[in-house]
Amino acid sequence: MDKNIIISFVFLFLGAACFSQDIEEAYLWDSKTRLTWDDFKGVVPPDSAPAATTASGISYKYSANLLHHEVKLDFEVNAFFYPNESWYKPDVCNDLILSHEQLHFDISELFARKMRKRLNETSFSDNVKAEIRKIYKETLKALSDFQDRYDWETNFSRNREQQLRWNEQIAKALAERD
């Protein structure tokens, strides 16, 4: 017996999943567009230690058709920047800190690419929903760990030499095509 199942999901990641009735403003990652301080529209929390915060993450949506136990998957995975959740302190921020914040967004794009690659390379079963969710969760965990490592190694952009090394490393990775 043939089964046709169509499934569509959209998930957003912004530190943790959050859903609201209002559509949050978000910028899709684009290789030709770089962030400026004008893009950081959030309110600086009182007594916050960081000079700036970038809210970025990965979203996905897909449809799956199951026919004769073969899954055909159509999907979209994107990296987004959330301006209303991103903020900076104008009196302490400079171009180096902006490049640090841009790299957080760029790293989100790198992990969106990793998820796209995994989805392309995976043979899905009848349990496609759970399998995609697992890939997404694993991608988010790896993204979070990588973002933490980036902040640690650059000391939140304070280590200029390491920041410039990371800038180069991420630019090179973005230039490579999957």
C-alpha atoms as a PDB file:
ATOM      1  CA  MET A   1       0.000   0.000   0.000  1.00  0.00           C
ATOM      2  CA  ASP A   2       1.349   3.429  -0.970  1.00  0.00           C
ATOM      3  CA  LYS A   3       1.494   6.113   1.673  1.00  0.00           C
ATOM      4  CA  ASN A   4       1.912   9.762   0.926  1.00  0.00           C
ATOM      5  CA  ILE A   5       2.899  11.824   3.919  1.00  0.00           C
ATOM      6  CA  ILE A   6       3.722  15.490   3.747  1.00  0.00           C
ATOM      7  CA  ILE A   7       5.287  17.073   6.761  1.00  0.00           C
ATOM      8  CA  SER A   8       6.292  20.693   7.191  1.00  0.00           C
ATOM      9  CA  PHE A   9       8.067  22.208  10.123  1.00  0.00           C
ATOM     10  CA  VAL A  10       9.795  25.442  10.915  1.00  0.00           C
ATOM     11  CA  PHE A  11      12.120  25.693  13.860  1.00  0.00           C
ATOM     12  CA  LEU A  12      14.009  28.724  15.047  1.00  0.00           C
ATOM     13  CA  PHE A  13      17.020  28.747  17.267  1.00  0.00           C
ATOM     14  CA  LEU A  14      17.859  31.819  19.294  1.00  0.00           C
ATOM     15  CA  GLY A  15      19.908  30.572  22.189  1.00  0.00           C
ATOM     16  CA  ALA A  16      16.845  28.431  22.979  1.00  0.00           C
ATOM     17  CA  ALA A  17      13.725  27.915  20.927  1.00  0.00           C
ATOM     18  CA  CYS A  18      11.254  30.753  21.298  1.00  0.00           C
ATOM     19  CA  PHE A  19       7.926  31.314  19.658  1.00  0.00           C
ATOM     20  CA  SER A  20       5.714  34.384  19.700  1.00  0.00           C
ATOM     21  CA  GLN A  21       2.644  35.647  17.914  1.00  0.00           C
ATOM     22  CA  ASP A  22       4.610  38.518  16.383  1.00  0.00           C
ATOM     23  CA  ILE A  23       6.945  37.723  13.544  1.00  0.00           C
ATOM     24  CA  GLU A  24      10.355  38.720  14.791  1.00  0.00           C
ATOM     25  CA  GLU A  25      12.531  40.769  12.511  1.00  0.00           C
ATOM     26  CA  ALA A  26      15.389  38.635  11.207  1.00  0.00           C
ATOM     27  CA  TYR A  27      18.146  39.080   8.640  1.00  0.00           C
ATOM     28  CA  LEU A  28      18.991  36.126   6.451  1.00  0.00           C
ATOM     29  CA  TRP A  29      22.749  35.534   6.195  1.00  0.00           C
ATOM     30  CA  ASP A  30      24.175  36.838   2.913  1.00  0.00           C
ATOM     31  CA  SER A  31      27.815  36.727   1.844  1.00  0.00           C
ATOM     32  CA  LYS A  32      27.589  40.255   0.403  1.00  0.00           C
ATOM     33  CA  THR A  33      26.091  41.885   3.486  1.00  0.00           C
ATOM     34  CA  ARG A  34      28.047  42.629   6.647  1.00  0.00           C
ATOM     35  CA  LEU A  35      26.562  43.736   9.944  1.00  0.00           C
ATOM     36  CA  THR A  36      26.871  47.338  11.061  1.00  0.00           C
ATOM     37  CA  TRP A  37      26.257  48.714  14.519  1.00  0.00           C
ATOM     38  CA  ASP A  38      22.970  50.125  13.190  1.00  0.00           C
ATOM     39  CA  ASP A  39      21.737  46.529  12.896  1.00  0.00           C
ATOM     40  CA  PHE A  40      21.976  46.056  16.673  1.00  0.00           C
ATOM     41  CA  LYS A  41      18.581  47.358  17.822  1.00  0.00           C
ATOM     42  CA  GLY A  42      18.157  45.582  21.145  1.00  0.00           C
ATOM     43  CA  VAL A  43      18.230  47.227  24.528  1.00  0.00           C
ATOM     44  CA  VAL A  44      21.440  46.847  26.531  1.00  0.00           C
ATOM     45  CA  PRO A  45      20.552  44.978  29.738  1.00  0.00           C
ATOM     46  CA  PRO A  46      21.367  46.883  32.918  1.00  0.00           C
ATOM     47  CA  ASP A  47      24.717  45.928  34.481  1.00  0.00           C
ATOM     48  CA  SER A  48      25.668  43.705  31.524  1.00  0.00           C
ATOM     49  CA  ALA A  49      29.376  42.904  31.279  1.00  0.00           C
ATOM     50  CA  PRO A  50      29.706  42.207  27.531  1.00  0.00           C
ATOM     51  CA  ALA A  51      30.320  45.071  25.119  1.00  0.00           C
ATOM     52  CA  ALA A  52      27.897  43.553  22.598  1.00  0.00           C
ATOM     53  CA  THR A  53      25.702  40.533  21.976  1.00  0.00           C
ATOM     54  CA  THR A  54      24.763  38.951  18.668  1.00  0.00           C
ATOM     55  CA  ALA A  55      21.592  36.890  18.529  1.00  0.00           C
ATOM     56  CA  SER A  56      21.855  34.551  15.586  1.00  0.00           C
ATOM     57  CA  GLY A  57      20.799  31.037  14.843  1.00  0.00           C
ATOM     58  CA  ILE A  58      19.533  28.436  12.448  1.00  0.00           C
ATOM     59  CA  SER A  59      16.036  27.725  11.182  1.00  0.00           C
ATOM     60  CA  TYR A  60      14.805  24.929   8.997  1.00  0.00           C
ATOM     61  CA  LYS A  61      11.706  23.785   7.232  1.00  0.00           C
ATOM     62  CA  TYR A  62      11.070  20.705   5.200  1.00  0.00           C
ATOM     63  CA  SER A  63       8.540  18.560   3.470  1.00  0.00           C
ATOM     64  CA  ALA A  64       8.892  14.820   3.185  1.00  0.00           C
ATOM     65  CA  ASN A  65       7.072  12.522   0.818  1.00  0.00           C
ATOM     66  CA  LEU A  66       7.030   8.861   1.718  1.00  0.00           C
ATOM     67  CA  LEU A  67       6.290   6.504  -1.162  1.00  0.00           C
ATOM     68  CA  HIS A  68       7.086   2.775  -1.039  1.00  0.00           C
ATOM     69  CA  HIS A  69       9.172   3.403   2.106  1.00  0.00           C
ATOM     70  CA  GLU A  70      11.433   5.839   0.268  1.00  0.00           C
ATOM     71  CA  VAL A  71      11.584   9.362   1.615  1.00  0.00           C
ATOM     72  CA  LYS A  72      12.003  12.316  -0.705  1.00  0.00           C
ATOM     73  CA  LEU A  73      13.010  15.308   1.336  1.00  0.00           C
ATOM     74  CA  ASP A  74      12.761  18.943   0.296  1.00  0.00           C
ATOM     75  CA  PHE A  75      14.248  21.307   2.853  1.00  0.00           C
ATOM     76  CA  GLU A  76      15.595  24.745   3.549  1.00  0.00           C
ATOM     77  CA  VAL A  77      18.117  25.548   6.280  1.00  0.00           C
ATOM     78  CA  ASN A  78      19.107  29.166   6.937  1.00  0.00           C
ATOM     79  CA  ALA A  79      21.133  31.268   9.330  1.00  0.00           C
ATOM     80  CA  PHE A  80      19.482  34.375  10.733  1.00  0.00           C
ATOM     81  CA  PHE A  81      20.525  37.439  12.737  1.00  0.00           C
ATOM     82  CA  TYR A  82      17.926  38.864  15.130  1.00  0.00           C
ATOM     83  CA  PRO A  83      18.458  42.640  15.394  1.00  0.00           C
ATOM     84  CA  ASN A  84      15.959  43.250  18.199  1.00  0.00           C
ATOM     85  CA  GLU A  85      17.752  40.737  20.427  1.00  0.00           C
ATOM     86  CA  SER A  86      21.239  42.011  19.500  1.00  0.00           C
ATOM     87  CA  TRP A  87      22.742  45.027  21.223  1.00  0.00           C
ATOM     88  CA  TYR A  88      25.976  46.923  21.822  1.00  0.00           C
ATOM     89  CA  LYS A  89      27.479  49.606  24.030  1.00  0.00           C
ATOM     90  CA  PRO A  90      28.496  52.451  21.685  1.00  0.00           C
ATOM     91  CA  ASP A  91      30.984  53.930  24.152  1.00  0.00           C
ATOM     92  CA  VAL A  92      33.157  50.768  24.239  1.00  0.00           C
ATOM     93  CA  CYS A  93      32.603  49.135  20.841  1.00  0.00           C
ATOM     94  CA  ASN A  94      34.941  49.393  17.867  1.00  0.00           C
ATOM     95  CA  ASP A  95      35.523  47.734  14.489  1.00  0.00           C
ATOM     96  CA  LEU A  96      37.328  44.751  16.015  1.00  0.00           C
ATOM     97  CA  ILE A  97      34.367  44.024  18.287  1.00  0.00           C
ATOM     98  CA  LEU A  98      32.017  44.386  15.302  1.00  0.00           C
ATOM     99  CA  SER A  99      34.101  41.824  13.387  1.00  0.00           C
ATOM    100  CA  HIS A 100      33.807  39.528  16.415  1.00  0.00           C
ATOM    101  CA  GLU A 101      30.020  39.887  16.392  1.00  0.00           C
ATOM    102  CA  GLN A 102      29.875  39.364  12.613  1.00  0.00           C
ATOM    103  CA  LEU A 103      31.756  36.101  13.047  1.00  0.00           C
ATOM    104  CA  HIS A 104      29.102  34.814  15.438  1.00  0.00           C
ATOM    105  CA  PHE A 105      26.590  35.278  12.595  1.00  0.00           C
ATOM    106  CA  ASP A 106      29.021  33.770  10.073  1.00  0.00           C
ATOM    107  CA  ILE A 107      29.545  30.747  12.317  1.00  0.00           C
ATOM    108  CA  SER A 108      25.774  30.238  12.359  1.00  0.00           C
ATOM    109  CA  GLU A 109      25.905  30.120   8.547  1.00  0.00           C
ATOM    110  CA  LEU A 110      28.716  27.547   8.642  1.00  0.00           C
ATOM    111  CA  PHE A 111      26.594  25.295  10.818  1.00  0.00           C
ATOM    112  CA  ALA A 112      23.526  25.841   8.618  1.00  0.00           C
ATOM    113  CA  ARG A 113      25.711  24.507   5.784  1.00  0.00           C
ATOM    114  CA  LYS A 114      26.749  21.524   7.901  1.00  0.00           C
ATOM    115  CA  MET A 115      23.107  20.727   8.578  1.00  0.00           C
ATOM    116  CA  ARG A 116      22.235  21.043   4.861  1.00  0.00           C
ATOM    117  CA  LYS A 117      25.053  18.630   4.054  1.00  0.00           C
ATOM    118  CA  ARG A 118      23.864  16.105   6.645  1.00  0.00           C
ATOM    119  CA  LEU A 119      20.296  16.299   5.380  1.00  0.00           C
ATOM    120  CA  ASN A 120      21.497  15.755   1.807  1.00  0.00           C
ATOM    121  CA  GLU A 121      23.594  12.753   2.812  1.00  0.00           C
ATOM    122  CA  THR A 122      21.051  11.029   5.059  1.00  0.00           C
ATOM    123  CA  SER A 123      18.682   8.274   3.962  1.00  0.00           C
ATOM    124  CA  PHE A 124      15.557   8.807   6.019  1.00  0.00           C
ATOM    125  CA  SER A 125      13.116   6.178   7.241  1.00  0.00           C
ATOM    126  CA  ASP A 126       9.396   6.394   8.029  1.00  0.00           C
ATOM    127  CA  ASN A 127      10.514   8.227  11.182  1.00  0.00           C
ATOM    128  CA  VAL A 128      11.789  11.247   9.220  1.00  0.00           C
ATOM    129  CA  LYS A 129      10.428  13.804  11.687  1.00  0.00           C
ATOM    130  CA  ALA A 130      12.423  12.400  14.619  1.00  0.00           C
ATOM    131  CA  GLU A 131      15.507  11.879  12.454  1.00  0.00           C
ATOM    132  CA  ILE A 132      15.511  15.491  11.259  1.00  0.00           C
ATOM    133  CA  ARG A 133      14.881  16.765  14.789  1.00  0.00           C
ATOM    134  CA  LYS A 134      17.879  14.716  15.992  1.00  0.00           C
ATOM    135  CA  ILE A 135      20.123  16.182  13.273  1.00  0.00           C
ATOM    136  CA  TYR A 136      18.913  19.667  14.187  1.00  0.00           C
ATOM    137  CA  LYS A 137      19.581  19.185  17.906  1.00  0.00           C
ATOM    138  CA  GLU A 138      23.041  17.773  17.211  1.00  0.00           C
ATOM    139  CA  THR A 139      23.782  20.704  14.902  1.00  0.00           C
ATOM    140  CA  LEU A 140      22.669  23.209  17.543  1.00  0.00           C
ATOM    141  CA  LYS A 141      24.829  21.545  20.189  1.00  0.00           C
ATOM    142  CA  ALA A 142      27.871  21.610  17.892  1.00  0.00           C
ATOM    143  CA  LEU A 143      27.114  25.249  16.975  1.00  0.00           C
ATOM    144  CA  SER A 144      26.862  26.254  20.631  1.00  0.00           C
ATOM    145  CA  ASP A 145      30.099  24.475  21.519  1.00  0.00           C
ATOM    146  CA  PHE A 146      31.888  26.101  18.572  1.00  0.00           C
ATOM    147  CA  GLN A 147      30.573  29.579  19.496  1.00  0.00           C
ATOM    148  CA  ASP A 148      31.799  29.061  23.065  1.00  0.00           C
ATOM    149  CA  ARG A 149      35.221  27.951  21.833  1.00  0.00           C
ATOM    150  CA  TYR A 150      35.400  31.021  19.583  1.00  0.00           C
ATOM    151  CA  ASP A 151      34.594  33.377  22.472  1.00  0.00           C
ATOM    152  CA  TRP A 152      37.063  31.578  24.750  1.00  0.00           C
ATOM    153  CA  GLU A 153      39.965  31.589  22.263  1.00  0.00           C
ATOM    154  CA  THR A 154      39.471  35.231  21.281  1.00  0.00           C
ATOM    155  CA  ASN A 155      38.648  36.288  24.849  1.00  0.00           C
ATOM    156  CA  PHE A 156      35.527  37.939  23.410  1.00  0.00           C
ATOM    157  CA  SER A 157      37.662  39.849  20.832  1.00  0.00           C
ATOM    158  CA  ARG A 158      40.107  41.143  23.470  1.00  0.00           C
ATOM    159  CA  ASN A 159      42.860  38.901  22.072  1.00  0.00           C
ATOM    160  CA  ARG A 160      43.418  40.782  18.822  1.00  0.00           C
ATOM    161  CA  GLU A 161      45.833  38.220  17.346  1.00  0.00           C
ATOM    162  CA  GLN A 162      43.417  35.347  17.929  1.00  0.00           C
ATOM    163  CA  GLN A 163      40.481  37.435  16.671  1.00  0.00           C
ATOM    164  CA  LEU A 164      42.292  38.157  13.403  1.00  0.00           C
ATOM    165  CA  ARG A 165      43.194  34.461  13.077  1.00  0.00           C
ATOM    166  CA  TRP A 166      39.554  33.473  13.556  1.00  0.00           C
ATOM    167  CA  ASN A 167      38.444  36.148  11.059  1.00  0.00           C
ATOM    168  CA  GLU A 168      40.739  34.552   8.470  1.00  0.00           C
ATOM    169  CA  GLN A 169      39.762  30.986   9.332  1.00  0.00           C
ATOM    170  CA  ILE A 170      36.006  31.637   9.112  1.00  0.00           C
ATOM    171  CA  ALA A 171      36.332  33.703   5.907  1.00  0.00           C
ATOM    172  CA  LYS A 172      38.217  30.803   4.328  1.00  0.00           C
ATOM    173  CA  ALA A 173      35.602  28.276   5.452  1.00  0.00           C
ATOM    174  CA  LEU A 174      32.782  30.453   4.070  1.00  0.00           C
ATOM    175  CA  ALA A 175      34.567  30.760   0.732  1.00  0.00           C
ATOM    176  CA  GLU A 176      34.638  26.973   0.342  1.00  0.00           C
ATOM    177  CA  ARG A 177      31.604  25.490  -1.359  1.00  0.00           C
ATOM    178  CA  ASP A 178      30.015  22.317  -0.038  1.00  0.00           C
END
